N, C-alpha and C. Protein backbone atom coordinates (compact mmCIF):
# COMPACT_ATOMS: atom_id res chain seq x y z
N MET A 1 0.84 -1.18 0.00
CA MET A 1 0.00 0.00 0.00
C MET A 1 0.89 1.25 0.00
N ASP A 2 0.58 2.17 -0.87
CA ASP A 2 1.34 3.41 -0.95
C ASP A 2 1.00 4.34 0.20
N LYS A 3 2.02 4.98 0.73
CA LYS A 3 1.81 5.97 1.77
C LYS A 3 1.85 7.35 1.12
N HIS A 4 0.84 8.13 1.39
CA HIS A 4 0.76 9.46 0.81
C HIS A 4 1.49 10.47 1.69
N SER A 5 1.94 11.52 1.06
CA SER A 5 2.53 12.66 1.73
C SER A 5 1.76 13.89 1.28
N TYR A 6 1.80 14.92 2.10
CA TYR A 6 1.01 16.11 1.84
C TYR A 6 1.85 17.37 1.99
N VAL A 7 1.62 18.31 1.09
CA VAL A 7 2.12 19.66 1.23
C VAL A 7 0.88 20.47 1.58
N TYR A 8 1.00 21.33 2.58
CA TYR A 8 -0.19 22.04 3.03
C TYR A 8 0.14 23.50 3.35
N ILE A 9 -0.90 24.31 3.30
CA ILE A 9 -0.77 25.70 3.70
C ILE A 9 -1.81 25.99 4.78
N LEU A 10 -1.32 26.57 5.87
CA LEU A 10 -2.19 27.03 6.95
C LEU A 10 -2.21 28.56 6.90
N ALA A 11 -3.30 29.14 7.38
CA ALA A 11 -3.42 30.60 7.45
C ALA A 11 -3.97 30.99 8.81
N SER A 12 -3.61 32.18 9.25
CA SER A 12 -4.13 32.68 10.52
C SER A 12 -5.57 33.18 10.37
N ALA A 13 -5.91 33.62 9.18
CA ALA A 13 -7.24 34.12 8.84
C ALA A 13 -7.29 34.26 7.32
N ARG A 14 -8.42 34.65 6.79
CA ARG A 14 -8.50 34.90 5.35
C ARG A 14 -7.49 35.99 4.98
N TYR A 15 -6.61 35.69 4.06
CA TYR A 15 -5.53 36.58 3.63
C TYR A 15 -4.55 36.90 4.76
N GLY A 16 -4.51 36.05 5.77
CA GLY A 16 -3.63 36.28 6.91
C GLY A 16 -2.23 35.71 6.70
N THR A 17 -1.54 35.54 7.81
CA THR A 17 -0.18 34.99 7.79
C THR A 17 -0.24 33.54 7.32
N LEU A 18 0.68 33.15 6.45
CA LEU A 18 0.70 31.81 5.87
C LEU A 18 1.86 30.99 6.41
N TYR A 19 1.63 29.68 6.42
CA TYR A 19 2.67 28.71 6.80
C TYR A 19 2.57 27.55 5.83
N ILE A 20 3.68 27.11 5.29
CA ILE A 20 3.72 25.97 4.38
C ILE A 20 4.48 24.84 5.06
N GLY A 21 3.91 23.64 5.00
CA GLY A 21 4.55 22.49 5.62
C GLY A 21 4.37 21.24 4.78
N VAL A 22 5.02 20.16 5.24
CA VAL A 22 4.92 18.86 4.59
C VAL A 22 4.78 17.81 5.68
N THR A 23 3.99 16.78 5.42
CA THR A 23 3.75 15.74 6.41
C THR A 23 3.28 14.46 5.73
N SER A 24 3.39 13.36 6.45
CA SER A 24 2.84 12.10 5.96
C SER A 24 1.50 11.80 6.64
N ASP A 25 1.10 12.63 7.60
CA ASP A 25 -0.17 12.46 8.30
C ASP A 25 -0.82 13.84 8.47
N LEU A 26 -1.60 14.23 7.49
CA LEU A 26 -2.16 15.57 7.45
C LEU A 26 -3.07 15.87 8.64
N VAL A 27 -3.95 14.95 8.97
CA VAL A 27 -4.90 15.18 10.06
C VAL A 27 -4.16 15.38 11.38
N ARG A 28 -3.20 14.50 11.66
CA ARG A 28 -2.44 14.61 12.91
C ARG A 28 -1.66 15.91 12.96
N ARG A 29 -1.01 16.26 11.85
CA ARG A 29 -0.15 17.44 11.84
C ARG A 29 -0.96 18.73 12.00
N VAL A 30 -2.09 18.82 11.33
CA VAL A 30 -2.92 20.01 11.48
C VAL A 30 -3.47 20.07 12.90
N TRP A 31 -3.86 18.94 13.46
CA TRP A 31 -4.32 18.91 14.85
C TRP A 31 -3.23 19.46 15.77
N GLU A 32 -1.98 19.07 15.54
CA GLU A 32 -0.87 19.57 16.35
C GLU A 32 -0.74 21.09 16.24
N HIS A 33 -0.89 21.61 15.03
CA HIS A 33 -0.83 23.06 14.85
C HIS A 33 -1.99 23.74 15.59
N ARG A 34 -3.18 23.17 15.45
CA ARG A 34 -4.37 23.77 16.06
C ARG A 34 -4.29 23.80 17.58
N HIS A 35 -3.65 22.81 18.16
CA HIS A 35 -3.58 22.69 19.62
C HIS A 35 -2.26 23.18 20.21
N GLY A 36 -1.41 23.77 19.38
CA GLY A 36 -0.16 24.35 19.86
C GLY A 36 0.77 23.35 20.50
N VAL A 37 0.76 22.13 20.01
CA VAL A 37 1.58 21.06 20.58
C VAL A 37 3.08 21.35 20.42
N VAL A 38 3.45 21.94 19.30
CA VAL A 38 4.85 22.21 19.02
C VAL A 38 5.10 23.72 19.07
N GLU A 39 6.12 24.11 19.79
CA GLU A 39 6.49 25.52 19.84
C GLU A 39 7.01 25.94 18.47
N GLY A 40 6.75 27.18 18.11
CA GLY A 40 7.29 27.68 16.85
C GLY A 40 6.40 28.72 16.21
N PHE A 41 6.63 28.91 14.93
CA PHE A 41 5.99 29.98 14.15
C PHE A 41 4.47 29.90 14.20
N THR A 42 3.90 28.72 13.96
CA THR A 42 2.44 28.62 13.90
C THR A 42 1.80 28.89 15.25
N LYS A 43 2.41 28.44 16.30
CA LYS A 43 1.87 28.71 17.64
C LYS A 43 1.99 30.19 17.97
N GLN A 44 3.14 30.77 17.69
CA GLN A 44 3.40 32.18 17.98
C GLN A 44 2.43 33.10 17.24
N HIS A 45 2.11 32.75 15.98
CA HIS A 45 1.27 33.61 15.15
C HIS A 45 -0.17 33.13 15.05
N LYS A 46 -0.52 32.10 15.84
CA LYS A 46 -1.89 31.56 15.87
C LYS A 46 -2.37 31.16 14.47
N ILE A 47 -1.56 30.37 13.81
CA ILE A 47 -1.86 29.91 12.45
C ILE A 47 -2.37 28.47 12.54
N SER A 48 -3.65 28.27 12.21
CA SER A 48 -4.20 26.92 12.36
C SER A 48 -5.26 26.54 11.33
N ARG A 49 -5.59 27.42 10.41
CA ARG A 49 -6.64 27.16 9.43
C ARG A 49 -6.02 26.50 8.19
N LEU A 50 -6.41 25.26 7.92
CA LEU A 50 -5.93 24.55 6.73
C LEU A 50 -6.68 25.09 5.52
N VAL A 51 -5.99 25.81 4.65
CA VAL A 51 -6.66 26.46 3.51
C VAL A 51 -6.31 25.83 2.16
N TRP A 52 -5.26 25.00 2.14
CA TRP A 52 -4.86 24.37 0.88
C TRP A 52 -3.97 23.17 1.19
N TYR A 53 -4.10 22.12 0.39
CA TYR A 53 -3.17 20.99 0.49
C TYR A 53 -3.17 20.24 -0.83
N GLU A 54 -2.10 19.49 -1.05
CA GLU A 54 -2.05 18.58 -2.19
C GLU A 54 -1.39 17.30 -1.74
N THR A 55 -1.75 16.22 -2.40
CA THR A 55 -1.29 14.89 -2.05
C THR A 55 -0.19 14.45 -3.00
N HIS A 56 0.83 13.80 -2.45
CA HIS A 56 1.93 13.26 -3.24
C HIS A 56 2.12 11.79 -2.87
N GLY A 57 2.53 11.00 -3.83
CA GLY A 57 2.77 9.58 -3.58
C GLY A 57 4.15 9.31 -3.02
N ASP A 58 5.02 10.31 -3.06
CA ASP A 58 6.40 10.13 -2.62
C ASP A 58 6.81 11.32 -1.74
N ILE A 59 7.38 11.05 -0.58
CA ILE A 59 7.76 12.10 0.35
C ILE A 59 8.80 13.05 -0.24
N MET A 60 9.70 12.53 -1.05
CA MET A 60 10.72 13.39 -1.65
C MET A 60 10.09 14.39 -2.63
N GLU A 61 9.08 13.97 -3.36
CA GLU A 61 8.37 14.89 -4.25
C GLU A 61 7.62 15.94 -3.44
N ALA A 62 7.04 15.54 -2.33
CA ALA A 62 6.34 16.49 -1.46
C ALA A 62 7.31 17.53 -0.90
N ILE A 63 8.47 17.09 -0.47
CA ILE A 63 9.48 18.02 0.07
C ILE A 63 9.95 18.98 -1.02
N LYS A 64 10.15 18.45 -2.22
CA LYS A 64 10.56 19.29 -3.35
C LYS A 64 9.50 20.36 -3.63
N ARG A 65 8.24 19.96 -3.60
CA ARG A 65 7.14 20.90 -3.85
C ARG A 65 7.04 21.94 -2.73
N GLU A 66 7.22 21.51 -1.48
CA GLU A 66 7.20 22.44 -0.35
C GLU A 66 8.26 23.52 -0.54
N LYS A 67 9.47 23.11 -0.88
CA LYS A 67 10.55 24.06 -1.09
C LYS A 67 10.24 25.02 -2.23
N GLN A 68 9.63 24.50 -3.28
CA GLN A 68 9.24 25.33 -4.42
C GLN A 68 8.24 26.40 -3.98
N LEU A 69 7.20 25.98 -3.26
CA LEU A 69 6.16 26.92 -2.83
C LEU A 69 6.70 27.97 -1.87
N LYS A 70 7.63 27.60 -1.02
CA LYS A 70 8.20 28.55 -0.08
C LYS A 70 8.96 29.67 -0.79
N LYS A 71 9.42 29.41 -2.00
CA LYS A 71 10.12 30.43 -2.79
C LYS A 71 9.17 31.33 -3.57
N TRP A 72 7.93 30.94 -3.68
CA TRP A 72 6.95 31.73 -4.43
C TRP A 72 6.68 33.07 -3.75
N GLU A 73 6.29 34.03 -4.55
CA GLU A 73 5.82 35.31 -4.02
C GLU A 73 4.50 35.08 -3.30
N ARG A 74 4.25 35.88 -2.28
CA ARG A 74 3.01 35.75 -1.51
C ARG A 74 1.78 35.84 -2.41
N ALA A 75 1.78 36.75 -3.36
CA ALA A 75 0.63 36.93 -4.25
C ALA A 75 0.30 35.65 -5.01
N TRP A 76 1.31 34.90 -5.41
CA TRP A 76 1.08 33.64 -6.12
C TRP A 76 0.42 32.63 -5.20
N LYS A 77 0.88 32.58 -3.95
CA LYS A 77 0.29 31.64 -2.97
C LYS A 77 -1.16 32.00 -2.70
N VAL A 78 -1.42 33.29 -2.52
CA VAL A 78 -2.79 33.74 -2.25
C VAL A 78 -3.69 33.40 -3.43
N LYS A 79 -3.21 33.59 -4.65
CA LYS A 79 -4.00 33.26 -5.84
C LYS A 79 -4.28 31.77 -5.91
N MET A 80 -3.27 30.94 -5.61
CA MET A 80 -3.47 29.49 -5.63
C MET A 80 -4.51 29.07 -4.61
N ILE A 81 -4.42 29.62 -3.40
CA ILE A 81 -5.40 29.29 -2.36
C ILE A 81 -6.79 29.74 -2.79
N SER A 82 -6.90 30.98 -3.24
CA SER A 82 -8.20 31.54 -3.62
C SER A 82 -8.84 30.82 -4.80
N THR A 83 -8.02 30.31 -5.70
CA THR A 83 -8.55 29.57 -6.85
C THR A 83 -9.21 28.26 -6.42
N GLY A 84 -8.58 27.56 -5.49
CA GLY A 84 -9.12 26.28 -5.04
C GLY A 84 -10.03 26.36 -3.83
N ASN A 85 -9.99 27.48 -3.13
CA ASN A 85 -10.75 27.63 -1.88
C ASN A 85 -11.10 29.12 -1.74
N ALA A 86 -12.05 29.56 -2.54
CA ALA A 86 -12.37 30.99 -2.68
C ALA A 86 -12.69 31.69 -1.36
N THR A 87 -13.30 30.98 -0.43
CA THR A 87 -13.68 31.60 0.85
C THR A 87 -12.65 31.36 1.94
N TRP A 88 -11.58 30.68 1.61
CA TRP A 88 -10.53 30.32 2.58
C TRP A 88 -11.14 29.52 3.74
N ARG A 89 -12.09 28.65 3.39
CA ARG A 89 -12.74 27.77 4.36
C ARG A 89 -11.70 26.85 4.99
N ASP A 90 -11.87 26.51 6.25
CA ASP A 90 -10.96 25.61 6.94
C ASP A 90 -11.22 24.18 6.47
N LEU A 91 -10.32 23.65 5.64
CA LEU A 91 -10.49 22.32 5.05
C LEU A 91 -10.34 21.20 6.08
N TYR A 92 -9.79 21.50 7.23
CA TYR A 92 -9.64 20.51 8.30
C TYR A 92 -11.02 19.98 8.70
N ASP A 93 -12.05 20.80 8.56
CA ASP A 93 -13.41 20.38 8.89
C ASP A 93 -13.86 19.20 8.03
N ASP A 94 -13.28 19.03 6.84
CA ASP A 94 -13.63 17.91 5.97
C ASP A 94 -13.13 16.59 6.52
N PHE A 95 -12.13 16.62 7.41
CA PHE A 95 -11.52 15.41 7.94
C PHE A 95 -12.03 15.04 9.34
N THR A 96 -12.77 15.94 9.96
CA THR A 96 -13.19 15.72 11.33
C THR A 96 -14.71 15.80 11.45
N PRO A 97 -15.27 15.05 12.40
CA PRO A 97 -16.74 15.08 12.56
C PRO A 97 -17.23 16.38 13.18
């Protein structure tokens, strides 16, 4: 069975501060961000809204994509998020009851 990896973007609010990450367990990782389990940027800036993600079949490809997105201009990231999630709805709600 293939294990998926995810590149994701969290936001503090609509058009707020952005964070890009990579993980092999999207639900667990977003939960950690939401609950401030790990000290760092997302906890400090209250960034917990999952606004965009993509699935990869290989962790190395996901890491490569994460690095690519981190180099993008903010406007490009905002456009990508808005194109796929116009209201910047918290996609984490799709994974939880």
